[in-house]
Amino acid sequence: YAQTCDCLLILHWLVVPLVTSQWTTNPLWAGVFSFIQVFILWSLNNIAIEIEHPFGRDVNDLDAASMQLEMNRHLHRLVDPL
């Protein structure tokens, strides 16, 4: 699935300038429209990749180890007699 999405994004990246150049009369607008379309789709793809893999070592990833330790502390409080 991921490889197909990447291939389709590359195909889109190659075809969109040709289509927008036929759609508009000004080359500047063709470049602007092409950039906006390609940028938005690649950004959405990168967001989807981050959502698929939320745990890791990147800056914006969730810290699974500390979350597990906190959950264990909460569970321990529930079963620990006063």
PDB file of N, CA and C in Angstrom:
ATOM      1  N   TYR A   1       0.819  -1.194   0.000  1.00  0.00           N
ATOM      2  CA  TYR A   1       0.000   0.000   0.000  1.00  0.00           C
ATOM      3  C   TYR A   1       0.864   1.260   0.000  1.00  0.00           C
ATOM      4  N   ALA A   2       1.877   1.297   0.839  1.00  0.00           N
ATOM      5  CA  ALA A   2       2.722   2.485   0.942  1.00  0.00           C
ATOM      6  C   ALA A   2       3.494   2.733  -0.353  1.00  0.00           C
ATOM      7  N   GLN A   3       3.973   1.665  -0.970  1.00  0.00           N
ATOM      8  CA  GLN A   3       4.710   1.817  -2.220  1.00  0.00           C
ATOM      9  C   GLN A   3       3.792   2.317  -3.340  1.00  0.00           C
ATOM     10  N   THR A   4       2.556   1.840  -3.341  1.00  0.00           N
ATOM     11  CA  THR A   4       1.601   2.298  -4.348  1.00  0.00           C
ATOM     12  C   THR A   4       1.300   3.776  -4.169  1.00  0.00           C
ATOM     13  N   CYS A   5       1.113   4.201  -2.929  1.00  0.00           N
ATOM     14  CA  CYS A   5       0.872   5.626  -2.661  1.00  0.00           C
ATOM     15  C   CYS A   5       2.061   6.471  -3.109  1.00  0.00           C
ATOM     16  N   ASP A   6       3.264   6.010  -2.830  1.00  0.00           N
ATOM     17  CA  ASP A   6       4.450   6.760  -3.249  1.00  0.00           C
ATOM     18  C   ASP A   6       4.551   6.838  -4.768  1.00  0.00           C
ATOM     19  N   CYS A   7       4.266   5.737  -5.453  1.00  0.00           N
ATOM     20  CA  CYS A   7       4.299   5.743  -6.921  1.00  0.00           C
ATOM     21  C   CYS A   7       3.238   6.681  -7.493  1.00  0.00           C
ATOM     22  N   LEU A   8       2.045   6.678  -6.907  1.00  0.00           N
ATOM     23  CA  LEU A   8       0.995   7.569  -7.376  1.00  0.00           C
ATOM     24  C   LEU A   8       1.333   9.033  -7.105  1.00  0.00           C
ATOM     25  N   LEU A   9       1.975   9.305  -5.970  1.00  0.00           N
ATOM     26  CA  LEU A   9       2.388  10.682  -5.684  1.00  0.00           C
ATOM     27  C   LEU A   9       3.455  11.159  -6.679  1.00  0.00           C
ATOM     28  N   ILE A  10       4.370  10.289  -7.027  1.00  0.00           N
ATOM     29  CA  ILE A  10       5.401  10.653  -8.009  1.00  0.00           C
ATOM     30  C   ILE A  10       4.771  10.860  -9.381  1.00  0.00           C
ATOM     31  N   LEU A  11       3.847   9.982  -9.752  1.00  0.00           N
ATOM     32  CA  LEU A  11       3.148  10.145 -11.027  1.00  0.00           C
ATOM     33  C   LEU A  11       2.362  11.458 -11.034  1.00  0.00           C
ATOM     34  N   HIS A  12       1.697  11.764  -9.938  1.00  0.00           N
ATOM     35  CA  HIS A  12       0.960  13.026  -9.817  1.00  0.00           C
ATOM     36  C   HIS A  12       1.910  14.214  -9.947  1.00  0.00           C
ATOM     37  N   TRP A  13       3.064  14.119  -9.301  1.00  0.00           N
ATOM     38  CA  TRP A  13       4.071  15.177  -9.341  1.00  0.00           C
ATOM     39  C   TRP A  13       4.545  15.435 -10.772  1.00  0.00           C
ATOM     40  N   LEU A  14       4.621  14.373 -11.590  1.00  0.00           N
ATOM     41  CA  LEU A  14       5.073  14.519 -12.965  1.00  0.00           C
ATOM     42  C   LEU A  14       3.968  15.001 -13.906  1.00  0.00           C
ATOM     43  N   VAL A  15       2.726  14.606 -13.662  1.00  0.00           N
ATOM     44  CA  VAL A  15       1.631  14.900 -14.587  1.00  0.00           C
ATOM     45  C   VAL A  15       0.979  16.257 -14.326  1.00  0.00           C
ATOM     46  N   VAL A  16       0.912  16.667 -13.060  1.00  0.00           N
ATOM     47  CA  VAL A  16       0.202  17.909 -12.721  1.00  0.00           C
ATOM     48  C   VAL A  16       0.746  19.131 -13.458  1.00  0.00           C
ATOM     49  N   PRO A  17       2.042  19.332 -13.579  1.00  0.00           N
ATOM     50  CA  PRO A  17       2.496  20.509 -14.342  1.00  0.00           C
ATOM     51  C   PRO A  17       2.030  20.498 -15.796  1.00  0.00           C
ATOM     52  N   LEU A  18       1.967  19.321 -16.404  1.00  0.00           N
ATOM     53  CA  LEU A  18       1.487  19.248 -17.784  1.00  0.00           C
ATOM     54  C   LEU A  18       0.013  19.620 -17.887  1.00  0.00           C
ATOM     55  N   VAL A  19      -0.784  19.132 -16.960  1.00  0.00           N
ATOM     56  CA  VAL A  19      -2.216  19.412 -16.985  1.00  0.00           C
ATOM     57  C   VAL A  19      -2.489  20.879 -16.679  1.00  0.00           C
ATOM     58  N   THR A  20      -1.845  21.419 -15.658  1.00  0.00           N
ATOM     59  CA  THR A  20      -2.106  22.812 -15.296  1.00  0.00           C
ATOM     60  C   THR A  20      -1.569  23.779 -16.343  1.00  0.00           C
ATOM     61  N   SER A  21      -0.526  23.398 -17.070  1.00  0.00           N
ATOM     62  CA  SER A  21      -0.047  24.284 -18.132  1.00  0.00           C
ATOM     63  C   SER A  21      -1.052  24.368 -19.268  1.00  0.00           C
ATOM     64  N   GLN A  22      -1.833  23.330 -19.489  1.00  0.00           N
ATOM     65  CA  GLN A  22      -2.893  23.377 -20.498  1.00  0.00           C
ATOM     66  C   GLN A  22      -4.142  24.075 -19.967  1.00  0.00           C
ATOM     67  N   TRP A  23      -4.317  24.069 -18.680  1.00  0.00           N
ATOM     68  CA  TRP A  23      -5.517  24.635 -18.061  1.00  0.00           C
ATOM     69  C   TRP A  23      -5.422  26.144 -17.919  1.00  0.00           C
ATOM     70  N   THR A  24      -4.211  26.655 -17.658  1.00  0.00           N
ATOM     71  CA  THR A  24      -4.024  28.095 -17.464  1.00  0.00           C
ATOM     72  C   THR A  24      -3.281  28.693 -18.660  1.00  0.00           C
ATOM     73  N   THR A  25      -3.401  30.000 -18.795  1.00  0.00           N
ATOM     74  CA  THR A  25      -2.693  30.680 -19.886  1.00  0.00           C
ATOM     75  C   THR A  25      -1.380  31.294 -19.420  1.00  0.00           C
ATOM     76  N   ASN A  26      -1.248  31.519 -18.131  1.00  0.00           N
ATOM     77  CA  ASN A  26      -0.051  32.139 -17.584  1.00  0.00           C
ATOM     78  C   ASN A  26       0.826  31.062 -16.944  1.00  0.00           C
ATOM     79  N   PRO A  27       2.095  30.953 -17.339  1.00  0.00           N
ATOM     80  CA  PRO A  27       2.974  29.931 -16.755  1.00  0.00           C
ATOM     81  C   PRO A  27       3.187  30.104 -15.248  1.00  0.00           C
ATOM     82  N   LEU A  28       3.117  31.342 -14.769  1.00  0.00           N
ATOM     83  CA  LEU A  28       3.273  31.574 -13.333  1.00  0.00           C
ATOM     84  C   LEU A  28       2.161  30.902 -12.549  1.00  0.00           C
ATOM     85  N   TRP A  29       0.922  31.067 -13.012  1.00  0.00           N
ATOM     86  CA  TRP A  29      -0.202  30.439 -12.324  1.00  0.00           C
ATOM     87  C   TRP A  29      -0.135  28.918 -12.425  1.00  0.00           C
ATOM     88  N   ALA A  30       0.340  28.410 -13.530  1.00  0.00           N
ATOM     89  CA  ALA A  30       0.498  26.958 -13.663  1.00  0.00           C
ATOM     90  C   ALA A  30       1.482  26.435 -12.627  1.00  0.00           C
ATOM     91  N   GLY A  31       2.570  27.168 -12.418  1.00  0.00           N
ATOM     92  CA  GLY A  31       3.545  26.770 -11.407  1.00  0.00           C
ATOM     93  C   GLY A  31       2.991  26.851  -9.997  1.00  0.00           C
ATOM     94  N   VAL A  32       2.226  27.911  -9.731  1.00  0.00           N
ATOM     95  CA  VAL A  32       1.634  28.083  -8.397  1.00  0.00           C
ATOM     96  C   VAL A  32       0.634  26.970  -8.114  1.00  0.00           C
ATOM     97  N   PHE A  33      -0.261  26.698  -9.060  1.00  0.00           N
ATOM     98  CA  PHE A  33      -1.262  25.655  -8.860  1.00  0.00           C
ATOM     99  C   PHE A  33      -0.616  24.273  -8.726  1.00  0.00           C
ATOM    100  N   SER A  34       0.405  24.020  -9.519  1.00  0.00           N
ATOM    101  CA  SER A  34       1.103  22.730  -9.428  1.00  0.00           C
ATOM    102  C   SER A  34       1.769  22.575  -8.077  1.00  0.00           C
ATOM    103  N   PHE A  35       2.455  23.623  -7.638  1.00  0.00           N
ATOM    104  CA  PHE A  35       3.142  23.559  -6.347  1.00  0.00           C
ATOM    105  C   PHE A  35       2.156  23.314  -5.216  1.00  0.00           C
ATOM    106  N   ILE A  36       1.041  24.026  -5.216  1.00  0.00           N
ATOM    107  CA  ILE A  36       0.066  23.882  -4.132  1.00  0.00           C
ATOM    108  C   ILE A  36      -0.485  22.464  -4.077  1.00  0.00           C
ATOM    109  N   GLN A  37      -0.869  21.924  -5.235  1.00  0.00           N
ATOM    110  CA  GLN A  37      -1.433  20.569  -5.254  1.00  0.00           C
ATOM    111  C   GLN A  37      -0.428  19.533  -4.778  1.00  0.00           C
ATOM    112  N   VAL A  38       0.775  19.597  -5.333  1.00  0.00           N
ATOM    113  CA  VAL A  38       1.791  18.590  -4.981  1.00  0.00           C
ATOM    114  C   VAL A  38       2.206  18.735  -3.520  1.00  0.00           C
ATOM    115  N   PHE A  39       2.381  19.955  -3.050  1.00  0.00           N
ATOM    116  CA  PHE A  39       2.784  20.184  -1.663  1.00  0.00           C
ATOM    117  C   PHE A  39       1.746  19.655  -0.682  1.00  0.00           C
ATOM    118  N   ILE A  40       0.471  19.915  -0.943  1.00  0.00           N
ATOM    119  CA  ILE A  40      -0.583  19.460  -0.039  1.00  0.00           C
ATOM    120  C   ILE A  40      -0.642  17.936   0.006  1.00  0.00           C
ATOM    121  N   LEU A  41      -0.576  17.284  -1.142  1.00  0.00           N
ATOM    122  CA  LEU A  41      -0.662  15.821  -1.141  1.00  0.00           C
ATOM    123  C   LEU A  41       0.547  15.171  -0.473  1.00  0.00           C
ATOM    124  N   TRP A  42       1.744  15.699  -0.703  1.00  0.00           N
ATOM    125  CA  TRP A  42       2.924  15.142  -0.038  1.00  0.00           C
ATOM    126  C   TRP A  42       2.874  15.404   1.465  1.00  0.00           C
ATOM    127  N   SER A  43       2.350  16.567   1.866  1.00  0.00           N
ATOM    128  CA  SER A  43       2.216  16.849   3.299  1.00  0.00           C
ATOM    129  C   SER A  43       1.233  15.899   3.957  1.00  0.00           C
ATOM    130  N   LEU A  44       0.100  15.655   3.308  1.00  0.00           N
ATOM    131  CA  LEU A  44      -0.869  14.701   3.849  1.00  0.00           C
ATOM    132  C   LEU A  44      -0.281  13.300   3.945  1.00  0.00           C
ATOM    133  N   ASN A  45       0.526  12.921   2.977  1.00  0.00           N
ATOM    134  CA  ASN A  45       1.177  11.612   3.026  1.00  0.00           C
ATOM    135  C   ASN A  45       2.135  11.521   4.210  1.00  0.00           C
ATOM    136  N   ASN A  46       2.910  12.567   4.451  1.00  0.00           N
ATOM    137  CA  ASN A  46       3.840  12.549   5.590  1.00  0.00           C
ATOM    138  C   ASN A  46       3.097  12.548   6.922  1.00  0.00           C
ATOM    139  N   ILE A  47       1.984  13.244   7.003  1.00  0.00           N
ATOM    140  CA  ILE A  47       1.170  13.210   8.220  1.00  0.00           C
ATOM    141  C   ILE A  47       0.629  11.803   8.453  1.00  0.00           C
ATOM    142  N   ALA A  48       0.163  11.155   7.390  1.00  0.00           N
ATOM    143  CA  ALA A  48      -0.351   9.789   7.519  1.00  0.00           C
ATOM    144  C   ALA A  48       0.736   8.826   7.975  1.00  0.00           C
ATOM    145  N   ILE A  49       1.945   9.011   7.495  1.00  0.00           N
ATOM    146  CA  ILE A  49       3.060   8.155   7.927  1.00  0.00           C
ATOM    147  C   ILE A  49       3.315   8.327   9.421  1.00  0.00           C
ATOM    148  N   GLU A  50       3.287   9.560   9.903  1.00  0.00           N
ATOM    149  CA  GLU A  50       3.493   9.804  11.338  1.00  0.00           C
ATOM    150  C   GLU A  50       2.360   9.227  12.174  1.00  0.00           C
ATOM    151  N   ILE A  51       1.133   9.287  11.667  1.00  0.00           N
ATOM    152  CA  ILE A  51       0.001   8.733  12.408  1.00  0.00           C
ATOM    153  C   ILE A  51       0.097   7.216  12.479  1.00  0.00           C
ATOM    154  N   GLU A  52       0.614   6.581  11.416  1.00  0.00           N
ATOM    155  CA  GLU A  52       0.752   5.125  11.417  1.00  0.00           C
ATOM    156  C   GLU A  52       1.785   4.644  12.423  1.00  0.00           C
ATOM    157  N   HIS A  53       2.818   5.452  12.675  1.00  0.00           N
ATOM    158  CA  HIS A  53       3.906   5.062  13.571  1.00  0.00           C
ATOM    159  C   HIS A  53       4.098   6.130  14.657  1.00  0.00           C
ATOM    160  N   PRO A  54       3.229   6.133  15.681  1.00  0.00           N
ATOM    161  CA  PRO A  54       3.322   7.200  16.683  1.00  0.00           C
ATOM    162  C   PRO A  54       4.436   6.992  17.706  1.00  0.00           C
ATOM    163  N   PHE A  55       4.950   5.774  17.832  1.00  0.00           N
ATOM    164  CA  PHE A  55       5.975   5.495  18.828  1.00  0.00           C
ATOM    165  C   PHE A  55       7.319   5.353  18.134  1.00  0.00           C
ATOM    166  N   GLY A  56       8.304   6.054  18.629  1.00  0.00           N
ATOM    167  CA  GLY A  56       9.627   5.982  18.031  1.00  0.00           C
ATOM    168  C   GLY A  56      10.579   6.904  18.746  1.00  0.00           C
ATOM    169  N   ARG A  57      11.589   7.318  18.048  1.00  0.00           N
ATOM    170  CA  ARG A  57      12.617   8.168  18.640  1.00  0.00           C
ATOM    171  C   ARG A  57      12.632   9.579  18.052  1.00  0.00           C
ATOM    172  N   ASP A  58      11.654   9.916  17.213  1.00  0.00           N
ATOM    173  CA  ASP A  58      11.594  11.266  16.664  1.00  0.00           C
ATOM    174  C   ASP A  58      11.151  12.259  17.736  1.00  0.00           C
ATOM    175  N   VAL A  59      11.320  13.525  17.439  1.00  0.00           N
ATOM    176  CA  VAL A  59      10.976  14.573  18.398  1.00  0.00           C
ATOM    177  C   VAL A  59       9.479  14.586  18.696  1.00  0.00           C
ATOM    178  N   ASN A  60       8.660  14.361  17.683  1.00  0.00           N
ATOM    179  CA  ASN A  60       7.211  14.465  17.857  1.00  0.00           C
ATOM    180  C   ASN A  60       6.535  13.118  18.121  1.00  0.00           C
ATOM    181  N   ASP A  61       7.289  12.079  18.431  1.00  0.00           N
ATOM    182  CA  ASP A  61       6.708  10.772  18.725  1.00  0.00           C
ATOM    183  C   ASP A  61       6.349  10.661  20.203  1.00  0.00           C
ATOM    184  N   LEU A  62       5.433   9.765  20.489  1.00  0.00           N
ATOM    185  CA  LEU A  62       5.022   9.518  21.870  1.00  0.00           C
ATOM    186  C   LEU A  62       6.063   8.652  22.573  1.00  0.00           C
ATOM    187  N   ASP A  63       6.298   8.937  23.843  1.00  0.00           N
ATOM    188  CA  ASP A  63       7.272   8.179  24.633  1.00  0.00           C
ATOM    189  C   ASP A  63       6.554   6.992  25.276  1.00  0.00           C
ATOM    190  N   ALA A  64       6.627   5.839  24.642  1.00  0.00           N
ATOM    191  CA  ALA A  64       5.897   4.660  25.105  1.00  0.00           C
ATOM    192  C   ALA A  64       6.433   4.151  26.441  1.00  0.00           C
ATOM    193  N   ALA A  65       7.728   4.258  26.677  1.00  0.00           N
ATOM    194  CA  ALA A  65       8.309   3.740  27.921  1.00  0.00           C
ATOM    195  C   ALA A  65       7.778   4.505  29.139  1.00  0.00           C
ATOM    196  N   SER A  66       7.769   5.823  29.061  1.00  0.00           N
ATOM    197  CA  SER A  66       7.268   6.592  30.208  1.00  0.00           C
ATOM    198  C   SER A  66       5.762   6.418  30.371  1.00  0.00           C
ATOM    199  N   MET A  67       5.043   6.259  29.276  1.00  0.00           N
ATOM    200  CA  MET A  67       3.604   6.018  29.375  1.00  0.00           C
ATOM    201  C   MET A  67       3.325   4.684  30.052  1.00  0.00           C
ATOM    202  N   GLN A  68       4.143   3.668  29.750  1.00  0.00           N
ATOM    203  CA  GLN A  68       3.969   2.362  30.374  1.00  0.00           C
ATOM    204  C   GLN A  68       4.299   2.419  31.863  1.00  0.00           C
ATOM    205  N   LEU A  69       5.352   3.143  32.226  1.00  0.00           N
ATOM    206  CA  LEU A  69       5.699   3.280  33.646  1.00  0.00           C
ATOM    207  C   LEU A  69       4.595   3.992  34.417  1.00  0.00           C
ATOM    208  N   GLU A  70       4.026   5.023  33.841  1.00  0.00           N
ATOM    209  CA  GLU A  70       2.939   5.738  34.496  1.00  0.00           C
ATOM    210  C   GLU A  70       1.715   4.835  34.655  1.00  0.00           C
ATOM    211  N   MET A  71       1.406   4.064  33.638  1.00  0.00           N
ATOM    212  CA  MET A  71       0.274   3.135  33.723  1.00  0.00           C
ATOM    213  C   MET A  71       0.516   2.091  34.805  1.00  0.00           C
ATOM    214  N   ASN A  72       1.730   1.577  34.908  1.00  0.00           N
ATOM    215  CA  ASN A  72       2.055   0.596  35.942  1.00  0.00           C
ATOM    216  C   ASN A  72       1.910   1.198  37.338  1.00  0.00           C
ATOM    217  N   ARG A  73       2.323   2.464  37.498  1.00  0.00           N
ATOM    218  CA  ARG A  73       2.158   3.125  38.797  1.00  0.00           C
ATOM    219  C   ARG A  73       0.688   3.258  39.170  1.00  0.00           C
ATOM    220  N   HIS A  74      -0.126   3.627  38.198  1.00  0.00           N
ATOM    221  CA  HIS A  74      -1.565   3.755  38.465  1.00  0.00           C
ATOM    222  C   HIS A  74      -2.183   2.406  38.814  1.00  0.00           C
ATOM    223  N   LEU A  75      -1.803   1.365  38.100  1.00  0.00           N
ATOM    224  CA  LEU A  75      -2.335   0.036  38.395  1.00  0.00           C
ATOM    225  C   LEU A  75      -1.873  -0.453  39.758  1.00  0.00           C
ATOM    226  N   HIS A  76      -0.629  -0.141  40.097  1.00  0.00           N
ATOM    227  CA  HIS A  76      -0.094  -0.549  41.397  1.00  0.00           C
ATOM    228  C   HIS A  76      -0.867   0.141  42.524  1.00  0.00           C
ATOM    229  N   ARG A  77      -1.226   1.421  42.338  1.00  0.00           N
ATOM    230  CA  ARG A  77      -2.027   2.130  43.339  1.00  0.00           C
ATOM    231  C   ARG A  77      -3.400   1.504  43.517  1.00  0.00           C
ATOM    232  N   LEU A  78      -3.958   0.972  42.446  1.00  0.00           N
ATOM    233  CA  LEU A  78      -5.284   0.371  42.534  1.00  0.00           C
ATOM    234  C   LEU A  78      -5.275  -0.931  43.353  1.00  0.00           C
ATOM    235  N   VAL A  79      -4.226  -1.723  43.215  1.00  0.00           N
ATOM    236  CA  VAL A  79      -4.204  -3.008  43.905  1.00  0.00           C
ATOM    237  C   VAL A  79      -3.474  -2.947  45.248  1.00  0.00           C
ATOM    238  N   ASP A  80      -2.788  -1.856  45.533  1.00  0.00           N
ATOM    239  CA  ASP A  80      -2.040  -1.732  46.780  1.00  0.00           C
ATOM    240  C   ASP A  80      -3.005  -1.416  47.924  1.00  0.00           C
ATOM    241  N   PRO A  81      -2.962  -2.206  49.006  1.00  0.00           N
ATOM    242  CA  PRO A  81      -3.832  -1.908  50.154  1.00  0.00           C
ATOM    243  C   PRO A  81      -3.375  -0.629  50.855  1.00  0.00           C
ATOM    244  N   LEU A  82      -4.327   0.074  51.393  1.00  0.00           N
ATOM    245  CA  LEU A  82      -3.999   1.326  52.090  1.00  0.00           C
ATOM    246  C   LEU A  82      -3.327   0.964  53.368  1.00  0.00           C
TER     247      LEU A  82
END
